[in-house]
Amino acid sequence: MESGTTSKKKRLSPSSMSQLQILNALAPNSAPAPEPRRLQINEIAELSGLRDEKETQRFLFILEGQKLVSPFPEGDFTSRTWQITSQGVQTLRQISAVATN
């Protein structure tokens, strides 16, 4: 048996994975993007692979509470248009950096 530490990779919950998929769907395709990418809930559902608009909206509200996404226009929670925030882009970059290490 080999002595030393063994590293265990933590697994993300299905909810966390869905939230990451939504952030990825909203992330700008190129950096730096002149304006945030704004998408309708149905587009976000398709691009993220969730396909369910109500579930997508639920995750958007969770991400909004963490300041990672916002409705457009900002503060209009009846809007079907959402965008990633600069904090959301930064968080996504940090997660990507950790995942590749």
N, C-alpha and C. Protein backbone atom coordinates (compact mmCIF):
# COMPACT_ATOMS: atom_id res chain seq x y z
N MET A 1 0.83 -1.17 0.00
CA MET A 1 0.00 0.00 0.00
C MET A 1 0.88 1.24 0.00
N GLU A 2 0.50 2.22 -0.76
CA GLU A 2 1.28 3.44 -0.91
C GLU A 2 0.98 4.40 0.22
N SER A 3 2.03 4.95 0.84
CA SER A 3 1.80 5.92 1.89
C SER A 3 1.69 7.30 1.28
N GLY A 4 1.07 8.21 2.01
CA GLY A 4 0.88 9.58 1.50
C GLY A 4 -0.59 9.92 1.50
N THR A 5 -0.86 11.06 1.00
CA THR A 5 -2.26 11.50 1.00
C THR A 5 -2.91 11.13 -0.31
N THR A 6 -4.15 10.84 -0.23
CA THR A 6 -4.93 10.61 -1.43
C THR A 6 -5.89 11.77 -1.58
N SER A 7 -5.99 12.26 -2.77
CA SER A 7 -6.88 13.40 -2.99
C SER A 7 -8.21 12.89 -3.52
N LYS A 8 -9.24 13.37 -2.90
CA LYS A 8 -10.58 13.03 -3.35
C LYS A 8 -11.17 14.25 -4.02
N LYS A 9 -11.66 14.05 -5.21
CA LYS A 9 -12.31 15.15 -5.91
C LYS A 9 -13.73 15.27 -5.39
N LYS A 10 -14.10 16.50 -5.10
CA LYS A 10 -15.47 16.74 -4.67
C LYS A 10 -16.37 16.78 -5.89
N ARG A 11 -17.53 16.24 -5.72
CA ARG A 11 -18.50 16.24 -6.81
C ARG A 11 -19.55 17.31 -6.54
N LEU A 12 -19.95 17.97 -7.59
CA LEU A 12 -20.97 19.00 -7.47
C LEU A 12 -22.35 18.34 -7.49
N SER A 13 -23.27 18.94 -6.77
CA SER A 13 -24.64 18.45 -6.77
C SER A 13 -25.27 18.73 -8.12
N PRO A 14 -26.34 18.01 -8.47
CA PRO A 14 -27.03 18.29 -9.73
C PRO A 14 -27.50 19.75 -9.82
N SER A 15 -27.92 20.32 -8.70
CA SER A 15 -28.36 21.71 -8.68
C SER A 15 -27.19 22.65 -9.02
N SER A 16 -26.05 22.41 -8.42
CA SER A 16 -24.86 23.23 -8.71
C SER A 16 -24.44 23.09 -10.17
N MET A 17 -24.52 21.88 -10.70
CA MET A 17 -24.16 21.66 -12.10
C MET A 17 -25.11 22.43 -13.02
N SER A 18 -26.39 22.43 -12.70
CA SER A 18 -27.37 23.16 -13.52
C SER A 18 -27.09 24.66 -13.48
N GLN A 19 -26.72 25.16 -12.30
CA GLN A 19 -26.41 26.58 -12.19
C GLN A 19 -25.18 26.93 -13.02
N LEU A 20 -24.19 26.06 -13.03
CA LEU A 20 -22.99 26.29 -13.85
C LEU A 20 -23.33 26.26 -15.35
N GLN A 21 -24.23 25.37 -15.72
CA GLN A 21 -24.64 25.30 -17.12
C GLN A 21 -25.33 26.59 -17.54
N ILE A 22 -26.12 27.16 -16.66
CA ILE A 22 -26.80 28.42 -16.95
C ILE A 22 -25.78 29.55 -17.07
N LEU A 23 -24.82 29.60 -16.15
CA LEU A 23 -23.77 30.63 -16.24
C LEU A 23 -23.01 30.50 -17.55
N ASN A 24 -22.69 29.28 -17.94
CA ASN A 24 -21.99 29.06 -19.20
C ASN A 24 -22.81 29.51 -20.39
N ALA A 25 -24.12 29.27 -20.35
CA ALA A 25 -25.00 29.69 -21.44
C ALA A 25 -25.03 31.21 -21.57
N LEU A 26 -24.96 31.91 -20.43
CA LEU A 26 -25.02 33.37 -20.44
C LEU A 26 -23.66 34.04 -20.65
N ALA A 27 -22.60 33.29 -20.49
CA ALA A 27 -21.25 33.86 -20.60
C ALA A 27 -21.00 34.37 -22.01
N PRO A 28 -20.30 35.49 -22.10
CA PRO A 28 -19.98 36.02 -23.43
C PRO A 28 -19.14 35.03 -24.22
N ASN A 29 -19.35 34.98 -25.53
CA ASN A 29 -18.60 34.06 -26.39
C ASN A 29 -17.16 34.49 -26.57
N SER A 30 -16.92 35.79 -26.49
CA SER A 30 -15.56 36.29 -26.67
C SER A 30 -15.25 37.30 -25.58
N ALA A 31 -14.01 37.39 -25.24
CA ALA A 31 -13.61 38.34 -24.21
C ALA A 31 -12.73 39.40 -24.84
N PRO A 32 -12.82 40.63 -24.49
CA PRO A 32 -13.88 41.18 -23.65
C PRO A 32 -15.12 41.48 -24.48
N ALA A 33 -16.26 41.19 -23.92
CA ALA A 33 -17.52 41.47 -24.62
C ALA A 33 -17.92 42.92 -24.36
N PRO A 34 -18.32 43.65 -25.40
CA PRO A 34 -18.70 45.04 -25.20
C PRO A 34 -19.95 45.19 -24.33
N GLU A 35 -20.89 44.28 -24.46
CA GLU A 35 -22.11 44.31 -23.65
C GLU A 35 -22.38 42.91 -23.15
N PRO A 36 -23.08 42.83 -22.02
CA PRO A 36 -23.44 41.49 -21.53
C PRO A 36 -24.32 40.76 -22.55
N ARG A 37 -24.20 39.48 -22.59
CA ARG A 37 -25.04 38.65 -23.45
C ARG A 37 -26.41 38.54 -22.79
N ARG A 38 -27.44 38.96 -23.47
CA ARG A 38 -28.80 38.92 -22.93
C ARG A 38 -29.60 37.87 -23.68
N LEU A 39 -30.18 36.96 -22.91
CA LEU A 39 -30.94 35.87 -23.51
C LEU A 39 -32.30 35.73 -22.84
N GLN A 40 -33.26 35.24 -23.62
CA GLN A 40 -34.58 34.92 -23.11
C GLN A 40 -34.50 33.60 -22.33
N ILE A 41 -35.41 33.42 -21.38
CA ILE A 41 -35.40 32.20 -20.55
C ILE A 41 -35.44 30.94 -21.41
N ASN A 42 -36.25 30.94 -22.47
CA ASN A 42 -36.33 29.74 -23.32
C ASN A 42 -34.99 29.46 -24.00
N GLU A 43 -34.25 30.51 -24.39
CA GLU A 43 -32.93 30.33 -24.99
C GLU A 43 -31.94 29.78 -23.96
N ILE A 44 -32.00 30.31 -22.75
CA ILE A 44 -31.12 29.84 -21.68
C ILE A 44 -31.39 28.37 -21.39
N ALA A 45 -32.67 28.00 -21.34
CA ALA A 45 -33.05 26.61 -21.09
C ALA A 45 -32.47 25.69 -22.15
N GLU A 46 -32.54 26.10 -23.42
CA GLU A 46 -32.01 25.28 -24.51
C GLU A 46 -30.49 25.21 -24.47
N LEU A 47 -29.83 26.37 -24.35
CA LEU A 47 -28.36 26.40 -24.37
C LEU A 47 -27.74 25.68 -23.17
N SER A 48 -28.41 25.71 -22.03
CA SER A 48 -27.88 25.08 -20.83
C SER A 48 -28.15 23.57 -20.81
N GLY A 49 -29.07 23.15 -21.66
CA GLY A 49 -29.42 21.73 -21.68
C GLY A 49 -30.51 21.36 -20.69
N LEU A 50 -31.02 22.35 -19.96
CA LEU A 50 -32.06 22.05 -18.97
C LEU A 50 -33.41 21.80 -19.62
N ARG A 51 -33.69 22.53 -20.68
CA ARG A 51 -34.91 22.41 -21.48
C ARG A 51 -36.19 22.84 -20.74
N ASP A 52 -36.22 22.86 -19.45
CA ASP A 52 -37.41 23.21 -18.66
C ASP A 52 -37.32 24.68 -18.25
N GLU A 53 -38.23 25.51 -18.78
CA GLU A 53 -38.17 26.95 -18.52
C GLU A 53 -38.42 27.28 -17.04
N LYS A 54 -39.34 26.58 -16.40
CA LYS A 54 -39.62 26.87 -14.98
C LYS A 54 -38.43 26.53 -14.10
N GLU A 55 -37.79 25.43 -14.38
CA GLU A 55 -36.60 25.03 -13.63
C GLU A 55 -35.46 26.01 -13.91
N THR A 56 -35.33 26.43 -15.14
CA THR A 56 -34.32 27.41 -15.51
C THR A 56 -34.55 28.72 -14.76
N GLN A 57 -35.80 29.16 -14.71
CA GLN A 57 -36.12 30.40 -14.01
C GLN A 57 -35.81 30.27 -12.52
N ARG A 58 -36.08 29.12 -11.95
CA ARG A 58 -35.78 28.89 -10.52
C ARG A 58 -34.27 29.03 -10.28
N PHE A 59 -33.46 28.44 -11.14
CA PHE A 59 -32.01 28.57 -11.00
C PHE A 59 -31.54 30.00 -11.24
N LEU A 60 -32.19 30.71 -12.15
CA LEU A 60 -31.84 32.12 -12.38
C LEU A 60 -32.06 32.94 -11.12
N PHE A 61 -33.16 32.69 -10.43
CA PHE A 61 -33.42 33.41 -9.18
C PHE A 61 -32.37 33.09 -8.12
N ILE A 62 -31.94 31.83 -8.06
CA ILE A 62 -30.89 31.44 -7.12
C ILE A 62 -29.59 32.18 -7.46
N LEU A 63 -29.23 32.18 -8.73
CA LEU A 63 -28.01 32.85 -9.18
C LEU A 63 -28.10 34.36 -8.99
N GLU A 64 -29.29 34.92 -9.14
CA GLU A 64 -29.47 36.36 -8.93
C GLU A 64 -29.24 36.71 -7.47
N GLY A 65 -29.67 35.85 -6.57
CA GLY A 65 -29.44 36.06 -5.14
C GLY A 65 -27.96 36.07 -4.80
N GLN A 66 -27.16 35.41 -5.61
CA GLN A 66 -25.70 35.38 -5.42
C GLN A 66 -25.02 36.47 -6.24
N LYS A 67 -25.80 37.32 -6.90
CA LYS A 67 -25.30 38.44 -7.72
C LYS A 67 -24.52 37.97 -8.94
N LEU A 68 -24.84 36.77 -9.45
CA LEU A 68 -24.12 36.23 -10.59
C LEU A 68 -24.85 36.48 -11.91
N VAL A 69 -26.15 36.69 -11.84
CA VAL A 69 -26.96 37.05 -13.01
C VAL A 69 -27.94 38.13 -12.59
N SER A 70 -28.53 38.79 -13.59
CA SER A 70 -29.56 39.79 -13.29
C SER A 70 -30.57 39.82 -14.43
N PRO A 71 -31.82 40.15 -14.11
CA PRO A 71 -32.80 40.30 -15.18
C PRO A 71 -32.51 41.58 -15.96
N PHE A 72 -33.04 41.66 -17.17
CA PHE A 72 -32.90 42.88 -17.95
C PHE A 72 -34.28 43.34 -18.36
N PRO A 73 -34.64 44.55 -18.03
CA PRO A 73 -33.87 45.54 -17.30
C PRO A 73 -33.69 45.13 -15.84
N GLU A 74 -32.60 45.59 -15.27
CA GLU A 74 -32.24 45.22 -13.91
C GLU A 74 -33.37 45.54 -12.94
N GLY A 75 -33.66 44.61 -12.06
CA GLY A 75 -34.70 44.79 -11.05
C GLY A 75 -36.08 44.35 -11.50
N ASP A 76 -36.26 44.05 -12.79
CA ASP A 76 -37.56 43.62 -13.31
C ASP A 76 -37.62 42.10 -13.30
N PHE A 77 -38.12 41.54 -12.20
CA PHE A 77 -38.13 40.09 -12.04
C PHE A 77 -39.24 39.41 -12.83
N THR A 78 -40.06 40.21 -13.54
CA THR A 78 -41.05 39.63 -14.44
C THR A 78 -40.47 39.50 -15.85
N SER A 79 -39.28 40.07 -16.06
CA SER A 79 -38.64 40.02 -17.36
C SER A 79 -38.26 38.59 -17.72
N ARG A 80 -38.36 38.28 -19.00
CA ARG A 80 -37.92 36.96 -19.47
C ARG A 80 -36.49 37.03 -20.02
N THR A 81 -35.88 38.23 -19.97
CA THR A 81 -34.52 38.43 -20.47
C THR A 81 -33.55 38.52 -19.29
N TRP A 82 -32.46 37.74 -19.36
CA TRP A 82 -31.47 37.71 -18.28
C TRP A 82 -30.08 37.86 -18.85
N GLN A 83 -29.16 38.30 -17.99
CA GLN A 83 -27.76 38.48 -18.37
C GLN A 83 -26.86 38.09 -17.21
N ILE A 84 -25.65 37.71 -17.54
CA ILE A 84 -24.65 37.41 -16.51
C ILE A 84 -24.06 38.73 -16.03
N THR A 85 -23.71 38.81 -14.77
CA THR A 85 -23.08 40.02 -14.23
C THR A 85 -21.56 39.89 -14.35
N SER A 86 -20.85 40.98 -14.11
CA SER A 86 -19.38 40.90 -14.13
C SER A 86 -18.89 39.96 -13.04
N GLN A 87 -19.58 39.93 -11.91
CA GLN A 87 -19.23 39.00 -10.83
C GLN A 87 -19.47 37.56 -11.29
N GLY A 88 -20.51 37.35 -12.06
CA GLY A 88 -20.79 36.01 -12.59
C GLY A 88 -19.71 35.55 -13.55
N VAL A 89 -19.24 36.46 -14.40
CA VAL A 89 -18.16 36.13 -15.34
C VAL A 89 -16.89 35.79 -14.56
N GLN A 90 -16.59 36.60 -13.56
CA GLN A 90 -15.39 36.37 -12.75
C GLN A 90 -15.49 35.03 -12.01
N THR A 91 -16.63 34.73 -11.46
CA THR A 91 -16.84 33.46 -10.75
C THR A 91 -16.67 32.29 -11.70
N LEU A 92 -17.23 32.40 -12.88
CA LEU A 92 -17.11 31.33 -13.88
C LEU A 92 -15.65 31.11 -14.27
N ARG A 93 -14.89 32.19 -14.42
CA ARG A 93 -13.45 32.06 -14.73
C ARG A 93 -12.71 31.36 -13.61
N GLN A 94 -13.03 31.71 -12.36
CA GLN A 94 -12.36 31.08 -11.22
C GLN A 94 -12.68 29.59 -11.16
N ILE A 95 -13.92 29.25 -11.40
CA ILE A 95 -14.33 27.83 -11.40
C ILE A 95 -13.60 27.08 -12.50
N SER A 96 -13.51 27.69 -13.68
CA SER A 96 -12.81 27.06 -14.80
C SER A 96 -11.34 26.85 -14.49
N ALA A 97 -10.72 27.83 -13.84
CA ALA A 97 -9.31 27.72 -13.47
C ALA A 97 -9.07 26.59 -12.49
N VAL A 98 -9.94 26.45 -11.52
CA VAL A 98 -9.82 25.38 -10.53
C VAL A 98 -10.07 24.02 -11.18
N ALA A 99 -11.04 23.96 -12.07
CA ALA A 99 -11.40 22.69 -12.72
C ALA A 99 -10.29 22.18 -13.62
N THR A 100 -9.48 23.07 -14.18
CA THR A 100 -8.42 22.64 -15.08
C THR A 100 -7.14 22.27 -14.33
N ASN A 101 -7.08 22.58 -13.05
CA ASN A 101 -5.88 22.23 -12.26
C ASN A 101 -5.97 20.86 -11.68
